[in-house]
């Protein structure tokens, strides 16, 4: 029975390692990464404390805690339960602070952040010390397990982590109260943090951009062409993309795929990159426009019922404009007539979202684009 308690302890050890990795090492990769990492950390610590609770209850059952200065099994059980509850309650504030810091202070890891690291330390050290204590009580030889000095050392280490957690909680509450009393202080600090994060992000982005080479796949350049990149970096990236000797073939491959994100990005490059699209992109562009139209057709499944009529206005306004601009660009540069593809997009908007704003203004945009395409093609004859 005693050594079976190693099973929840091993699970708890893995959970501690997993939480330490998420809180201290894992890097967010996208807009939803912070939320996903927070959920991951929450589920991990819930499992952690359940496993530690099972191991602690097992230790009390087998008599490994009979040395506590409490008389009677019932009283000893409630004393252990109270200590466990105190540990969990003290753990909450450092855990919340550590998880809240996951998506923000990581970009500032180069500068010291005592409060954030104290919260991480307390959130990791408390369950870790308890785990070590329980492992000792379960597996140590009886002669060593019964040494008073070892028991006092375990209790002292556990008490020390509880004191650190309590200090973190008190500091957090004090800072909250101070920010409420002096809101301008909190606003200035947040502005300074945002500025520092932006500078760190830009520095990292420029460094990774300089590490790119023309031999890298086209997709690796996507992150440097969005609004998140500085304007000069975005302009330089577009210039370098336009100079790629195999750009037409790379665009054709993206346009011909079923991934609407990459198809849309390739269409955007045709619209914005400083190169001249050729007629060889006619079929791939038609394929990409069909993918975008099909994605719009499936969009009703993604929208909640009360927002379905306006979904296209909120999520697809940019794409609708992009389709028109690409059709005009292909007509101007390659003499390609994409008016039939524009009709497919218009029909999709009107049929799928007839009560949207797009269903009212898009027909006129398409009509204007058709007139301009007709004039461009007529002038080229």
Protein backbone atom coordinates (compact mmCIF):
# COMPACT_ATOMS: atom_id res chain seq x y z
CA UNK A 1 0.00 0.00 0.00
CA UNK A 2 2.73 2.47 0.97
CA UNK A 3 4.65 2.28 -2.28
CA UNK A 4 1.51 2.55 -4.41
CA UNK A 5 1.45 6.18 -3.29
CA UNK A 6 4.36 6.73 -5.66
CA UNK A 7 1.89 6.61 -8.56
CA UNK A 8 0.10 9.90 -7.71
CA UNK A 9 3.46 11.36 -6.72
CA UNK A 10 4.91 10.56 -10.14
CA UNK A 11 1.87 12.13 -11.78
CA UNK A 12 2.29 15.21 -9.58
CA UNK A 13 5.98 15.42 -10.50
CA UNK A 14 5.08 15.45 -14.19
CA UNK A 15 2.40 18.11 -13.56
CA UNK A 16 4.92 20.33 -11.74
CA UNK A 17 7.37 20.00 -14.60
CA UNK A 18 4.66 20.77 -17.13
CA UNK A 19 3.53 23.86 -15.24
CA UNK A 20 7.11 25.07 -14.79
CA UNK A 21 7.67 24.73 -18.55
CA UNK A 22 4.49 26.66 -19.40
CA UNK A 23 5.15 29.39 -16.83
CA UNK A 24 8.85 29.90 -17.48
CA UNK A 25 9.92 28.57 -20.87
CA UNK A 26 7.09 28.14 -23.36
CA UNK A 27 6.82 30.90 -25.95
CA UNK A 28 3.40 32.01 -27.25
CA UNK A 29 3.03 31.69 -31.03
CA UNK A 30 -0.18 33.49 -31.83
CA UNK A 31 -3.08 35.61 -30.75
CA UNK A 32 -4.82 32.78 -28.92
CA UNK A 33 -1.61 31.33 -27.49
CA UNK A 34 -1.88 33.23 -24.21
CA UNK A 35 -5.40 31.89 -23.56
CA UNK A 36 -4.43 28.36 -24.57
CA UNK A 37 -1.37 28.44 -22.32
CA UNK A 38 -3.47 29.72 -19.41
CA UNK A 39 -6.00 26.91 -19.87
CA UNK A 40 -3.14 24.41 -20.11
CA UNK A 41 -1.63 25.74 -16.88
CA UNK A 42 -5.01 25.68 -15.08
CA UNK A 43 -5.77 22.08 -16.03
CA UNK A 44 -2.24 21.08 -15.07
CA UNK A 45 -2.38 22.57 -11.56
CA UNK A 46 -5.86 21.17 -10.92
CA UNK A 47 -4.52 17.70 -11.69
CA UNK A 48 -1.41 18.49 -9.63
CA UNK A 49 -3.27 19.38 -6.46
CA UNK A 50 -5.71 16.48 -6.82
CA UNK A 51 -2.77 14.07 -7.05
CA UNK A 52 -0.97 15.71 -4.12
CA UNK A 53 -4.20 15.53 -2.10
CA UNK A 54 -4.54 11.83 -2.82
CA UNK A 55 -0.92 11.21 -1.82
CA UNK A 56 -1.34 13.28 1.36
CA UNK A 57 -4.48 11.41 2.32
CA UNK A 58 -2.68 8.14 1.65
CA UNK A 59 0.19 9.16 3.91
CA UNK A 60 -2.26 9.98 6.69
CA UNK A 61 -3.97 6.61 6.20
CA UNK A 62 -0.78 4.54 6.47
CA UNK A 63 0.38 6.41 9.57
CA UNK A 64 3.21 8.35 7.92
CA UNK A 65 1.95 11.53 9.61
CA UNK A 66 1.39 10.14 13.10
CA UNK A 67 4.31 12.21 14.36
CA UNK A 68 2.33 15.43 13.98
CA UNK A 69 1.63 17.05 17.39
CA UNK A 70 -2.10 16.27 17.19
CA UNK A 71 -3.80 13.58 19.28
CA UNK A 72 -6.33 11.27 17.68
CA UNK A 73 -6.71 10.08 14.10
CA UNK A 74 -9.74 12.28 13.42
CA UNK A 75 -8.05 15.40 14.74
CA UNK A 76 -4.90 14.53 12.79
CA UNK A 77 -6.93 14.07 9.60
CA UNK A 78 -8.61 17.46 9.97
CA UNK A 79 -5.28 19.11 10.77
CA UNK A 80 -3.76 17.65 7.59
CA UNK A 81 -6.83 18.71 5.58
CA UNK A 82 -6.59 22.25 6.99
CA UNK A 83 -2.90 22.49 6.06
CA UNK A 84 -3.67 21.19 2.57
CA UNK A 85 -6.47 23.75 2.15
CA UNK A 86 -4.15 26.53 3.35
CA UNK A 87 -1.54 25.49 0.79
CA UNK A 88 -4.08 25.49 -2.03
CA UNK A 89 -5.47 28.89 -1.03
CA UNK A 90 -2.00 30.41 -0.75
CA UNK A 91 -1.12 28.90 -4.13
CA UNK A 92 -3.96 30.67 -5.96
CA UNK A 93 -2.56 34.21 -6.02
CA UNK A 94 0.98 33.30 -7.19
CA UNK A 95 -0.54 30.98 -9.78
CA UNK A 96 -2.85 33.68 -11.15
CA UNK A 97 0.00 36.20 -11.30
CA UNK A 98 2.31 33.69 -12.99
CA UNK A 99 -0.29 32.75 -15.61
CA UNK A 100 -1.25 36.38 -16.23
CA UNK A 101 2.42 37.12 -16.85
CA UNK A 102 2.82 34.31 -19.41
CA UNK A 103 1.76 36.37 -22.41
CA UNK A 104 3.18 39.70 -21.33
CA UNK A 105 6.43 39.72 -19.40
CA UNK A 106 8.05 36.98 -21.45
CA UNK A 107 8.90 39.61 -24.04
CA UNK A 108 10.67 41.52 -21.27
CA UNK A 109 12.64 38.60 -19.91
CA UNK A 110 15.82 40.52 -20.55
CA UNK A 111 14.97 42.94 -17.72
CA UNK A 112 14.38 41.84 -14.11
CA UNK A 113 10.78 41.51 -12.98
CA UNK A 114 11.00 40.61 -9.31
CA UNK A 115 7.24 40.37 -8.69
CA UNK A 116 6.66 38.11 -11.70
CA UNK A 117 9.53 35.79 -10.89
CA UNK A 118 8.56 35.67 -7.20
CA UNK A 119 5.07 34.58 -8.25
CA UNK A 120 6.53 31.89 -10.51
CA UNK A 121 8.88 30.72 -7.78
CA UNK A 122 6.12 30.47 -5.18
CA UNK A 123 3.71 28.74 -7.57
CA UNK A 124 6.34 26.12 -8.45
CA UNK A 125 8.12 25.78 -5.08
CA UNK A 126 5.02 25.16 -2.93
CA UNK A 127 3.82 21.99 -4.65
CA UNK A 128 7.41 20.91 -5.31
CA UNK A 129 8.38 21.08 -1.62
CA UNK A 130 5.19 19.25 -0.65
CA UNK A 131 5.96 16.61 -3.28
CA UNK A 132 9.48 16.09 -1.93
CA UNK A 133 8.17 15.82 1.63
CA UNK A 134 5.56 13.23 0.65
CA UNK A 135 8.08 11.27 -1.40
CA UNK A 136 10.40 11.18 1.62
CA UNK A 137 7.61 10.02 3.93
CA UNK A 138 6.67 7.24 1.53
CA UNK A 139 10.07 5.97 0.40
CA UNK A 140 12.71 6.88 3.00
CA UNK A 141 14.04 4.08 5.24
CA UNK A 142 12.30 4.03 8.65
CA UNK A 143 15.47 4.99 10.50
CA UNK A 144 15.85 8.16 8.45
CA UNK A 145 12.14 8.85 8.10
CA UNK A 146 11.74 9.07 11.87
CA UNK A 147 14.57 11.54 12.43
CA UNK A 148 13.17 14.68 14.11
CA UNK A 149 15.65 16.85 12.25
CA UNK A 150 14.30 15.67 8.87
CA UNK A 151 10.73 16.32 9.93
CA UNK A 152 11.61 19.79 11.13
CA UNK A 153 13.48 20.51 7.90
CA UNK A 154 10.46 19.45 5.83
CA UNK A 155 8.07 21.55 7.86
CA UNK A 156 10.46 24.49 7.73
CA UNK A 157 10.81 24.30 3.95
CA UNK A 158 7.07 24.05 3.52
CA UNK A 159 6.51 26.99 5.88
CA UNK A 160 9.10 29.06 3.97
CA UNK A 161 7.31 28.56 0.66
CA UNK A 162 4.01 29.46 2.32
CA UNK A 163 5.56 32.68 3.66
CA UNK A 164 6.85 33.57 0.17
CA UNK A 165 3.42 32.90 -1.32
CA UNK A 166 1.81 35.03 1.37
CA UNK A 167 4.24 37.88 0.65
CA UNK A 168 3.44 37.66 -3.06
CA UNK A 169 -0.28 37.82 -2.28
CA UNK A 170 0.13 40.78 0.08
CA UNK A 171 2.30 42.59 -2.48
CA UNK A 172 -0.28 41.98 -5.18
CA UNK A 173 -3.11 43.30 -3.05
CA UNK A 174 -1.04 46.31 -1.99
CA UNK A 175 -0.24 47.13 -5.61
CA UNK A 176 -3.92 46.80 -6.54
CA UNK A 177 -4.92 49.19 -3.78
CA UNK A 178 -2.16 51.64 -4.73
CA UNK A 179 -3.23 51.57 -8.38
CA UNK A 180 -6.82 52.23 -7.34
CA UNK A 181 -5.72 55.21 -5.25
CA UNK A 182 -3.37 56.55 -7.94
CA UNK A 183 -4.72 55.41 -11.32
CA UNK A 184 -2.29 57.64 -13.22
CA UNK A 185 0.61 55.60 -11.78
CA UNK A 186 -0.89 52.38 -13.14
CA UNK A 187 -1.60 54.01 -16.50
CA UNK A 188 2.00 55.27 -16.84
CA UNK A 189 3.40 51.89 -15.87
CA UNK A 190 1.17 50.09 -18.34
CA UNK A 191 2.11 52.53 -21.10
CA UNK A 192 5.79 52.01 -20.33
CA UNK A 193 5.34 48.23 -20.39
CA UNK A 194 3.50 48.39 -23.72
CA UNK A 195 6.24 50.54 -25.20
CA UNK A 196 8.94 48.21 -23.93
CA UNK A 197 7.11 45.17 -25.27
CA UNK A 198 6.68 46.83 -28.65
CA UNK A 199 10.37 47.68 -28.82
CA UNK A 200 11.36 44.15 -27.81
CA UNK A 201 8.99 42.67 -30.39
CA UNK A 202 10.27 44.95 -33.14
CA UNK A 203 13.89 44.17 -32.29
CA UNK A 204 13.19 40.45 -32.39
CA UNK A 205 11.23 40.80 -35.63
CA UNK A 206 14.02 42.73 -37.33
CA UNK A 207 16.58 40.21 -36.16
CA UNK A 208 14.64 37.25 -37.53
CA UNK A 209 14.02 39.15 -40.78
CA UNK A 210 17.75 39.71 -41.28
CA UNK A 211 18.29 36.00 -40.80
CA UNK A 212 16.07 35.17 -43.80
CA UNK A 213 17.59 34.29 -47.14
CA UNK A 214 16.13 34.18 -50.67
CA UNK A 215 16.29 30.39 -50.46
CA UNK A 216 13.74 30.30 -47.61
CA UNK A 217 10.18 29.26 -48.56
CA UNK A 218 7.79 32.05 -49.47
CA UNK A 219 5.57 31.29 -46.47
CA UNK A 220 8.37 32.25 -44.07
CA UNK A 221 8.09 35.84 -45.31
CA UNK A 222 4.40 36.18 -44.47
CA UNK A 223 4.89 37.49 -40.92
CA UNK A 224 6.90 40.45 -42.21
CA UNK A 225 4.21 41.68 -44.60
CA UNK A 226 1.38 42.20 -42.10
CA UNK A 227 0.39 45.33 -40.21
CA UNK A 228 2.19 43.92 -37.16
CA UNK A 229 5.53 44.62 -38.86
CA UNK A 230 6.99 48.15 -39.01
CA UNK A 231 6.19 49.94 -42.26
CA UNK A 232 9.80 50.09 -43.48
CA UNK A 233 10.26 46.38 -42.76
CA UNK A 234 7.02 45.55 -44.54
CA UNK A 235 8.07 47.58 -47.57
CA UNK A 236 11.47 45.89 -47.68
CA UNK A 237 9.91 42.45 -47.36
CA UNK A 238 7.57 43.15 -50.29
CA UNK A 239 10.49 44.37 -52.36
CA UNK A 240 12.47 41.22 -51.64
CA UNK A 241 9.47 38.99 -52.32
CA UNK A 242 8.92 40.72 -55.66
CA UNK A 243 12.56 40.04 -56.60
CA UNK A 244 12.30 36.27 -56.06
CA UNK A 245 12.99 34.57 -59.41
CA UNK A 246 10.44 31.82 -58.86
CA UNK A 247 7.72 34.04 -57.40
CA UNK A 248 5.11 33.20 -60.06
CA UNK A 249 5.42 29.47 -59.43
CA UNK A 250 5.36 29.94 -55.65
CA UNK A 251 2.25 32.10 -55.87
CA UNK A 252 0.60 29.59 -58.17
CA UNK A 253 1.21 26.84 -55.62
CA UNK A 254 -0.36 28.89 -52.80
CA UNK A 255 -3.28 30.02 -54.95
CA UNK A 256 -4.05 26.48 -56.06
CA UNK A 257 -4.23 25.12 -52.52
CA UNK A 258 -7.30 24.66 -50.33
CA UNK A 259 -6.02 26.74 -47.41
CA UNK A 260 -7.99 29.98 -47.52
CA UNK A 261 -5.42 31.81 -45.35
CA UNK A 262 -2.54 31.21 -47.75
CA UNK A 263 -4.75 31.74 -50.79
CA UNK A 264 -5.80 35.11 -49.39
CA UNK A 265 -2.20 36.06 -48.62
CA UNK A 266 -1.13 35.15 -52.17
CA UNK A 267 -3.97 37.27 -53.56
CA UNK A 268 -2.81 40.11 -51.32
CA UNK A 269 0.71 39.80 -52.71
CA UNK A 270 -0.68 40.07 -56.24
CA UNK A 271 -2.43 43.23 -55.13
CA UNK A 272 0.43 44.85 -53.18
CA UNK A 273 3.81 43.40 -54.09
CA UNK A 274 5.78 45.50 -56.62
CA UNK A 275 5.89 42.97 -59.45
CA UNK A 276 3.88 42.43 -62.63
CA UNK A 277 1.56 39.40 -62.50
CA UNK A 278 1.43 37.46 -65.74
CA UNK A 279 -1.37 35.61 -67.50
CA UNK A 280 0.14 32.36 -66.16
CA UNK A 281 -1.56 33.19 -62.86
CA UNK A 282 -5.01 33.26 -64.45
CA UNK A 283 -6.05 29.72 -63.47
CA UNK A 284 -4.45 29.76 -59.98
CA UNK A 285 -6.11 33.11 -59.19
CA UNK A 286 -9.49 31.75 -60.29
CA UNK A 287 -8.92 28.76 -58.05
CA UNK A 288 -8.08 31.01 -55.09
CA UNK A 289 -11.12 33.19 -55.68
CA UNK A 290 -13.25 30.04 -55.70
CA UNK A 291 -11.70 29.00 -52.36
CA UNK A 292 -12.50 32.42 -50.87
CA UNK A 293 -16.07 32.25 -52.18
CA UNK A 294 -16.50 28.74 -50.78
CA UNK A 295 -15.16 29.88 -47.42
CA UNK A 296 -17.73 32.68 -47.44
CA UNK A 297 -20.41 30.15 -48.33
CA UNK A 298 -19.48 28.08 -45.29
CA UNK A 299 -19.32 31.11 -43.00
CA UNK A 300 -22.88 30.80 -41.71
CA UNK A 301 -21.81 27.74 -39.72
CA UNK A 302 -19.20 29.85 -37.90
CA UNK A 303 -21.51 32.70 -36.91
CA UNK A 304 -23.92 32.70 -34.00
CA UNK A 305 -27.56 32.99 -34.99
CA UNK A 306 -28.10 36.59 -33.89
CA UNK A 307 -24.95 37.80 -35.71
CA UNK A 308 -25.27 35.78 -38.91
CA UNK A 309 -26.63 38.61 -41.04
CA UNK A 310 -23.69 40.86 -40.17
CA UNK A 311 -20.97 38.22 -40.17
CA UNK A 312 -19.85 39.01 -43.70
CA UNK A 313 -19.67 42.72 -42.86
CA UNK A 314 -17.43 42.14 -39.86
CA UNK A 315 -15.23 39.28 -41.04
CA UNK A 316 -15.20 39.51 -44.85
CA UNK A 317 -15.23 43.19 -45.78
CA UNK A 318 -11.47 43.12 -46.40
CA UNK A 319 -11.72 39.97 -48.52
CA UNK A 320 -14.53 41.37 -50.64
CA UNK A 321 -12.44 44.45 -51.42
CA UNK A 322 -9.38 42.27 -52.08
CA UNK A 323 -11.25 40.22 -54.67
CA UNK A 324 -12.17 43.37 -56.60
CA UNK A 325 -8.64 44.79 -56.38
CA UNK A 326 -7.05 41.55 -57.57
CA UNK A 327 -9.42 41.37 -60.54
CA UNK A 328 -8.48 44.92 -61.52
CA UNK A 329 -4.77 44.19 -61.02
CA UNK A 330 -4.90 41.08 -63.21
CA UNK A 331 -6.73 43.01 -65.93
CA UNK A 332 -4.22 45.86 -65.86
CA UNK A 333 -1.05 43.76 -65.75
CA UNK A 334 -1.95 40.61 -67.69
CA UNK A 335 -5.14 41.37 -69.60
CA UNK A 336 -6.98 38.66 -67.65
CA UNK A 337 -10.77 38.95 -67.47
CA UNK A 338 -12.01 37.83 -64.05
CA UNK A 339 -15.51 39.27 -64.28
CA UNK A 340 -17.04 35.81 -64.08
CA UNK A 341 -15.23 35.20 -60.76
CA UNK A 342 -16.53 38.53 -59.48
CA UNK A 343 -20.06 37.39 -60.34
CA UNK A 344 -19.54 34.21 -58.34
CA UNK A 345 -18.43 36.22 -55.30
CA UNK A 346 -21.34 38.65 -55.65
CA UNK A 347 -23.85 35.82 -55.98
CA UNK A 348 -22.40 34.17 -52.88
CA UNK A 349 -22.74 37.36 -50.84
CA UNK A 350 -26.31 38.03 -51.93
CA UNK A 351 -27.49 34.45 -51.52
CA UNK A 352 -25.77 33.60 -48.24
CA UNK A 353 -26.10 36.98 -46.48
CA UNK A 354 -29.01 38.78 -48.19
CA UNK A 355 -29.68 41.08 -45.20
CA UNK A 356 -26.08 42.17 -44.73
CA UNK A 357 -24.67 45.59 -45.60
CA UNK A 358 -22.45 43.87 -48.16
CA UNK A 359 -25.49 42.66 -50.07
CA UNK A 360 -26.44 46.34 -50.51
CA UNK A 361 -23.12 47.94 -51.47
CA UNK A 362 -21.24 45.07 -53.12
CA UNK A 363 -23.34 44.91 -56.31
CA UNK A 364 -22.38 48.52 -57.08
CA UNK A 365 -18.69 47.80 -56.38
CA UNK A 366 -18.80 44.81 -58.71
CA UNK A 367 -20.56 46.83 -61.39
CA UNK A 368 -17.94 49.58 -61.16
CA UNK A 369 -15.13 47.02 -61.30
CA UNK A 370 -16.68 45.37 -64.38
CA UNK A 371 -16.84 48.70 -66.20
CA UNK A 372 -13.21 49.41 -65.36
CA UNK A 373 -12.12 45.92 -66.44
CA UNK A 374 -14.02 46.30 -69.71
CA UNK A 375 -12.33 49.65 -70.35
CA UNK A 376 -8.88 48.22 -69.51
CA UNK A 377 -9.33 45.25 -71.81
CA UNK A 378 -10.74 47.40 -74.61
CA UNK A 379 -7.77 49.78 -74.37
CA UNK A 380 -5.37 46.85 -74.64
CA UNK A 381 -6.78 45.71 -77.99
